[in-house]
Amino acid sequence: MQTTSMSQRENVERTAVVGLVLAAKRTDAGADVSALEREIDERVYRLYGLTREEVKLVEESAQR
């Protein structure tokens, strides 16, 4: 189980990555933020404790 400080830190880091995406898009609407979006996805998967199989299902359904 995560400690409060760990989950708070992760929340701050997740928020910072989202801020980077928004800043990049404000500067250039066509900016490639795919690496940052991938990082957000991976952080959310960890947040919810998804298994590799569950991540695969989520990613496959998102491609449809």
PDB file of N, CA and C in Angstrom:
ATOM      1  N   MET A   1       0.833  -1.188   0.000  1.00  0.00           N
ATOM      2  CA  MET A   1       0.000   0.000   0.000  1.00  0.00           C
ATOM      3  C   MET A   1       0.878   1.253   0.000  1.00  0.00           C
ATOM      4  N   GLN A   2       0.468   2.251  -0.762  1.00  0.00           N
ATOM      5  CA  GLN A   2       1.241   3.477  -0.835  1.00  0.00           C
ATOM      6  C   GLN A   2       1.039   4.307   0.419  1.00  0.00           C
ATOM      7  N   THR A   3       2.082   4.990   0.817  1.00  0.00           N
ATOM      8  CA  THR A   3       1.936   5.929   1.911  1.00  0.00           C
ATOM      9  C   THR A   3       1.334   7.211   1.374  1.00  0.00           C
ATOM     10  N   THR A   4       0.822   8.028   2.267  1.00  0.00           N
ATOM     11  CA  THR A   4       0.212   9.281   1.843  1.00  0.00           C
ATOM     12  C   THR A   4       1.224  10.149   1.104  1.00  0.00           C
ATOM     13  N   SER A   5       2.442  10.244   1.627  1.00  0.00           N
ATOM     14  CA  SER A   5       3.442  11.086   0.961  1.00  0.00           C
ATOM     15  C   SER A   5       3.773  10.563  -0.431  1.00  0.00           C
ATOM     16  N   MET A   6       3.775   9.241  -0.608  1.00  0.00           N
ATOM     17  CA  MET A   6       4.040   8.670  -1.935  1.00  0.00           C
ATOM     18  C   MET A   6       2.904   9.026  -2.889  1.00  0.00           C
ATOM     19  N   SER A   7       1.668   8.872  -2.461  1.00  0.00           N
ATOM     20  CA  SER A   7       0.561   9.166  -3.357  1.00  0.00           C
ATOM     21  C   SER A   7       0.453  10.663  -3.609  1.00  0.00           C
ATOM     22  N   GLN A   8       0.771  11.500  -2.628  1.00  0.00           N
ATOM     23  CA  GLN A   8       0.780  12.944  -2.842  1.00  0.00           C
ATOM     24  C   GLN A   8       1.857  13.322  -3.844  1.00  0.00           C
ATOM     25  N   ARG A   9       3.034  12.725  -3.692  1.00  0.00           N
ATOM     26  CA  ARG A   9       4.132  13.006  -4.619  1.00  0.00           C
ATOM     27  C   ARG A   9       3.749  12.584  -6.033  1.00  0.00           C
ATOM     28  N   GLU A  10       3.171  11.406  -6.163  1.00  0.00           N
ATOM     29  CA  GLU A  10       2.751  10.915  -7.477  1.00  0.00           C
ATOM     30  C   GLU A  10       1.700  11.846  -8.076  1.00  0.00           C
ATOM     31  N   ASN A  11       0.787  12.323  -7.269  1.00  0.00           N
ATOM     32  CA  ASN A  11      -0.240  13.247  -7.751  1.00  0.00           C
ATOM     33  C   ASN A  11       0.391  14.540  -8.257  1.00  0.00           C
ATOM     34  N   VAL A  12       1.350  15.063  -7.517  1.00  0.00           N
ATOM     35  CA  VAL A  12       2.050  16.282  -7.943  1.00  0.00           C
ATOM     36  C   VAL A  12       2.776  16.038  -9.264  1.00  0.00           C
ATOM     37  N   GLU A  13       3.443  14.891  -9.378  1.00  0.00           N
ATOM     38  CA  GLU A  13       4.172  14.576 -10.606  1.00  0.00           C
ATOM     39  C   GLU A  13       3.223  14.408 -11.787  1.00  0.00           C
ATOM     40  N   ARG A  14       2.110  13.729 -11.565  1.00  0.00           N
ATOM     41  CA  ARG A  14       1.115  13.526 -12.623  1.00  0.00           C
ATOM     42  C   ARG A  14       0.574  14.880 -13.087  1.00  0.00           C
ATOM     43  N   THR A  15       0.268  15.731 -12.134  1.00  0.00           N
ATOM     44  CA  THR A  15      -0.246  17.057 -12.458  1.00  0.00           C
ATOM     45  C   THR A  15       0.780  17.860 -13.245  1.00  0.00           C
ATOM     46  N   ALA A  16       2.042  17.730 -12.889  1.00  0.00           N
ATOM     47  CA  ALA A  16       3.099  18.445 -13.598  1.00  0.00           C
ATOM     48  C   ALA A  16       3.188  17.989 -15.055  1.00  0.00           C
ATOM     49  N   VAL A  17       3.051  16.702 -15.298  1.00  0.00           N
ATOM     50  CA  VAL A  17       3.115  16.190 -16.676  1.00  0.00           C
ATOM     51  C   VAL A  17       1.928  16.715 -17.476  1.00  0.00           C
ATOM     52  N   VAL A  18       0.756  16.727 -16.875  1.00  0.00           N
ATOM     53  CA  VAL A  18      -0.421  17.279 -17.557  1.00  0.00           C
ATOM     54  C   VAL A  18      -0.180  18.751 -17.874  1.00  0.00           C
ATOM     55  N   GLY A  19       0.428  19.477 -16.951  1.00  0.00           N
ATOM     56  CA  GLY A  19       0.748  20.881 -17.184  1.00  0.00           C
ATOM     57  C   GLY A  19       1.695  21.066 -18.360  1.00  0.00           C
ATOM     58  N   LEU A  20       2.646  20.170 -18.501  1.00  0.00           N
ATOM     59  CA  LEU A  20       3.569  20.232 -19.640  1.00  0.00           C
ATOM     60  C   LEU A  20       2.834  20.044 -20.964  1.00  0.00           C
ATOM     61  N   VAL A  21       1.888  19.115 -20.990  1.00  0.00           N
ATOM     62  CA  VAL A  21       1.103  18.878 -22.203  1.00  0.00           C
ATOM     63  C   VAL A  21       0.314  20.137 -22.547  1.00  0.00           C
ATOM     64  N   LEU A  22      -0.360  20.699 -21.557  1.00  0.00           N
ATOM     65  CA  LEU A  22      -1.177  21.886 -21.801  1.00  0.00           C
ATOM     66  C   LEU A  22      -0.320  23.066 -22.269  1.00  0.00           C
ATOM     67  N   ALA A  23       0.834  23.253 -21.641  1.00  0.00           N
ATOM     68  CA  ALA A  23       1.722  24.346 -22.029  1.00  0.00           C
ATOM     69  C   ALA A  23       2.217  24.168 -23.458  1.00  0.00           C
ATOM     70  N   ALA A  24       2.585  22.949 -23.810  1.00  0.00           N
ATOM     71  CA  ALA A  24       3.066  22.680 -25.166  1.00  0.00           C
ATOM     72  C   ALA A  24       1.973  22.952 -26.191  1.00  0.00           C
ATOM     73  N   LYS A  25       0.756  22.547 -25.875  1.00  0.00           N
ATOM     74  CA  LYS A  25      -0.356  22.747 -26.800  1.00  0.00           C
ATOM     75  C   LYS A  25      -0.755  24.217 -26.909  1.00  0.00           C
ATOM     76  N   ARG A  26      -0.605  24.976 -25.811  1.00  0.00           N
ATOM     77  CA  ARG A  26      -0.885  26.418 -25.873  1.00  0.00           C
ATOM     78  C   ARG A  26       0.128  27.119 -26.774  1.00  0.00           C
ATOM     79  N   THR A  27       1.373  26.660 -26.708  1.00  0.00           N
ATOM     80  CA  THR A  27       2.435  27.251 -27.517  1.00  0.00           C
ATOM     81  C   THR A  27       2.291  26.866 -28.978  1.00  0.00           C
ATOM     82  N   ASP A  28       1.974  25.585 -29.207  1.00  0.00           N
ATOM     83  CA  ASP A  28       1.861  25.062 -30.567  1.00  0.00           C
ATOM     84  C   ASP A  28       0.804  23.965 -30.566  1.00  0.00           C
ATOM     85  N   ALA A  29      -0.356  24.272 -31.115  1.00  0.00           N
ATOM     86  CA  ALA A  29      -1.468  23.317 -31.100  1.00  0.00           C
ATOM     87  C   ALA A  29      -1.101  22.001 -31.779  1.00  0.00           C
ATOM     88  N   GLY A  30      -0.124  22.025 -32.661  1.00  0.00           N
ATOM     89  CA  GLY A  30       0.287  20.812 -33.359  1.00  0.00           C
ATOM     90  C   GLY A  30       1.470  20.107 -32.715  1.00  0.00           C
ATOM     91  N   ALA A  31       1.848  20.548 -31.528  1.00  0.00           N
ATOM     92  CA  ALA A  31       3.017  19.964 -30.850  1.00  0.00           C
ATOM     93  C   ALA A  31       2.811  18.468 -30.609  1.00  0.00           C
ATOM     94  N   ASP A  32       3.880  17.719 -30.796  1.00  0.00           N
ATOM     95  CA  ASP A  32       3.841  16.281 -30.540  1.00  0.00           C
ATOM     96  C   ASP A  32       4.063  16.044 -29.049  1.00  0.00           C
ATOM     97  N   VAL A  33       3.002  15.685 -28.377  1.00  0.00           N
ATOM     98  CA  VAL A  33       3.069  15.429 -26.938  1.00  0.00           C
ATOM     99  C   VAL A  33       2.805  13.948 -26.640  1.00  0.00           C
ATOM    100  N   SER A  34       2.995  13.119 -27.647  1.00  0.00           N
ATOM    101  CA  SER A  34       2.671  11.697 -27.491  1.00  0.00           C
ATOM    102  C   SER A  34       3.488  11.032 -26.383  1.00  0.00           C
ATOM    103  N   ALA A  35       4.746  11.408 -26.220  1.00  0.00           N
ATOM    104  CA  ALA A  35       5.559  10.809 -25.154  1.00  0.00           C
ATOM    105  C   ALA A  35       5.022  11.204 -23.784  1.00  0.00           C
ATOM    106  N   LEU A  36       4.612  12.458 -23.645  1.00  0.00           N
ATOM    107  CA  LEU A  36       4.040  12.904 -22.379  1.00  0.00           C
ATOM    108  C   LEU A  36       2.690  12.231 -22.120  1.00  0.00           C
ATOM    109  N   GLU A  37       1.884  12.088 -23.165  1.00  0.00           N
ATOM    110  CA  GLU A  37       0.595  11.415 -23.011  1.00  0.00           C
ATOM    111  C   GLU A  37       0.793   9.957 -22.597  1.00  0.00           C
ATOM    112  N   ARG A  38       1.804   9.333 -23.155  1.00  0.00           N
ATOM    113  CA  ARG A  38       2.118   7.944 -22.792  1.00  0.00           C
ATOM    114  C   ARG A  38       2.518   7.866 -21.314  1.00  0.00           C
ATOM    115  N   GLU A  39       3.304   8.835 -20.874  1.00  0.00           N
ATOM    116  CA  GLU A  39       3.707   8.859 -19.468  1.00  0.00           C
ATOM    117  C   GLU A  39       2.489   9.015 -18.553  1.00  0.00           C
ATOM    118  N   ILE A  40       1.558   9.864 -18.957  1.00  0.00           N
ATOM    119  CA  ILE A  40       0.329  10.030 -18.175  1.00  0.00           C
ATOM    120  C   ILE A  40      -0.427   8.709 -18.124  1.00  0.00           C
ATOM    121  N   ASP A  41      -0.569   8.051 -19.276  1.00  0.00           N
ATOM    122  CA  ASP A  41      -1.264   6.761 -19.318  1.00  0.00           C
ATOM    123  C   ASP A  41      -0.635   5.776 -18.341  1.00  0.00           C
ATOM    124  N   GLU A  42       0.690   5.663 -18.388  1.00  0.00           N
ATOM    125  CA  GLU A  42       1.379   4.702 -17.525  1.00  0.00           C
ATOM    126  C   GLU A  42       1.190   5.040 -16.048  1.00  0.00           C
ATOM    127  N   ARG A  43       1.189   6.325 -15.720  1.00  0.00           N
ATOM    128  CA  ARG A  43       0.977   6.729 -14.326  1.00  0.00           C
ATOM    129  C   ARG A  43      -0.435   6.389 -13.869  1.00  0.00           C
ATOM    130  N   VAL A  44      -1.407   6.574 -14.745  1.00  0.00           N
ATOM    131  CA  VAL A  44      -2.794   6.241 -14.396  1.00  0.00           C
ATOM    132  C   VAL A  44      -2.953   4.733 -14.227  1.00  0.00           C
ATOM    133  N   TYR A  45      -2.310   3.962 -15.092  1.00  0.00           N
ATOM    134  CA  TYR A  45      -2.367   2.506 -14.953  1.00  0.00           C
ATOM    135  C   TYR A  45      -1.820   2.082 -13.594  1.00  0.00           C
ATOM    136  N   ARG A  46      -0.702   2.685 -13.196  1.00  0.00           N
ATOM    137  CA  ARG A  46      -0.127   2.370 -11.878  1.00  0.00           C
ATOM    138  C   ARG A  46      -1.051   2.818 -10.755  1.00  0.00           C
ATOM    139  N   LEU A  47      -1.659   3.988 -10.919  1.00  0.00           N
ATOM    140  CA  LEU A  47      -2.566   4.515  -9.907  1.00  0.00           C
ATOM    141  C   LEU A  47      -3.686   3.513  -9.613  1.00  0.00           C
ATOM    142  N   TYR A  48      -4.217   2.907 -10.668  1.00  0.00           N
ATOM    143  CA  TYR A  48      -5.312   1.959 -10.504  1.00  0.00           C
ATOM    144  C   TYR A  48      -4.835   0.514 -10.356  1.00  0.00           C
ATOM    145  N   GLY A  49      -3.533   0.309 -10.369  1.00  0.00           N
ATOM    146  CA  GLY A  49      -2.996  -1.026 -10.151  1.00  0.00           C
ATOM    147  C   GLY A  49      -3.350  -2.016 -11.245  1.00  0.00           C
ATOM    148  N   LEU A  50      -3.410  -1.537 -12.491  1.00  0.00           N
ATOM    149  CA  LEU A  50      -3.772  -2.425 -13.596  1.00  0.00           C
ATOM    150  C   LEU A  50      -2.650  -3.412 -13.894  1.00  0.00           C
ATOM    151  N   THR A  51      -3.062  -4.625 -14.222  1.00  0.00           N
ATOM    152  CA  THR A  51      -2.110  -5.647 -14.638  1.00  0.00           C
ATOM    153  C   THR A  51      -1.746  -5.411 -16.108  1.00  0.00           C
ATOM    154  N   ARG A  52      -0.726  -6.104 -16.573  1.00  0.00           N
ATOM    155  CA  ARG A  52      -0.342  -5.977 -17.994  1.00  0.00           C
ATOM    156  C   ARG A  52      -1.506  -6.351 -18.912  1.00  0.00           C
ATOM    157  N   GLU A  53      -2.241  -7.381 -18.512  1.00  0.00           N
ATOM    158  CA  GLU A  53      -3.376  -7.820 -19.322  1.00  0.00           C
ATOM    159  C   GLU A  53      -4.457  -6.736 -19.372  1.00  0.00           C
ATOM    160  N   GLU A  54      -4.708  -6.094 -18.240  1.00  0.00           N
ATOM    161  CA  GLU A  54      -5.707  -5.027 -18.198  1.00  0.00           C
ATOM    162  C   GLU A  54      -5.261  -3.815 -19.015  1.00  0.00           C
ATOM    163  N   VAL A  55      -3.989  -3.483 -18.931  1.00  0.00           N
ATOM    164  CA  VAL A  55      -3.456  -2.377 -19.724  1.00  0.00           C
ATOM    165  C   VAL A  55      -3.628  -2.683 -21.205  1.00  0.00           C
ATOM    166  N   LYS A  56      -3.347  -3.906 -21.586  1.00  0.00           N
ATOM    167  CA  LYS A  56      -3.496  -4.305 -22.989  1.00  0.00           C
ATOM    168  C   LYS A  56      -4.940  -4.131 -23.450  1.00  0.00           C
ATOM    169  N   LEU A  57      -5.895  -4.532 -22.627  1.00  0.00           N
ATOM    170  CA  LEU A  57      -7.313  -4.368 -22.966  1.00  0.00           C
ATOM    171  C   LEU A  57      -7.676  -2.894 -23.131  1.00  0.00           C
ATOM    172  N   VAL A  58      -7.208  -2.061 -22.215  1.00  0.00           N
ATOM    173  CA  VAL A  58      -7.492  -0.629 -22.281  1.00  0.00           C
ATOM    174  C   VAL A  58      -6.909  -0.038 -23.559  1.00  0.00           C
ATOM    175  N   GLU A  59      -5.665  -0.358 -23.846  1.00  0.00           N
ATOM    176  CA  GLU A  59      -5.017   0.208 -25.023  1.00  0.00           C
ATOM    177  C   GLU A  59      -5.638  -0.280 -26.325  1.00  0.00           C
ATOM    178  N   GLU A  60      -6.017  -1.544 -26.350  1.00  0.00           N
ATOM    179  CA  GLU A  60      -6.671  -2.065 -27.561  1.00  0.00           C
ATOM    180  C   GLU A  60      -8.012  -1.404 -27.779  1.00  0.00           C
ATOM    181  N   SER A  61      -8.770  -1.190 -26.709  1.00  0.00           N
ATOM    182  CA  SER A  61     -10.087  -0.568 -26.872  1.00  0.00           C
ATOM    183  C   SER A  61      -9.959   0.906 -27.243  1.00  0.00           C
ATOM    184  N   ALA A  62      -8.882   1.558 -26.822  1.00  0.00           N
ATOM    185  CA  ALA A  62      -8.673   2.964 -27.155  1.00  0.00           C
ATOM    186  C   ALA A  62      -8.315   3.146 -28.625  1.00  0.00           C
ATOM    187  N   GLN A  63      -7.782   2.119 -29.268  1.00  0.00           N
ATOM    188  CA  GLN A  63      -7.385   2.203 -30.680  1.00  0.00           C
ATOM    189  C   GLN A  63      -8.558   2.037 -31.617  1.00  0.00           C
ATOM    190  N   ARG A  64      -9.676   1.594 -31.111  1.00  0.00           N
ATOM    191  CA  ARG A  64     -10.850   1.351 -31.986  1.00  0.00           C
ATOM    192  C   ARG A  64     -11.549   2.617 -32.351  1.00  0.00           C
TER     193      ARG A  64
END
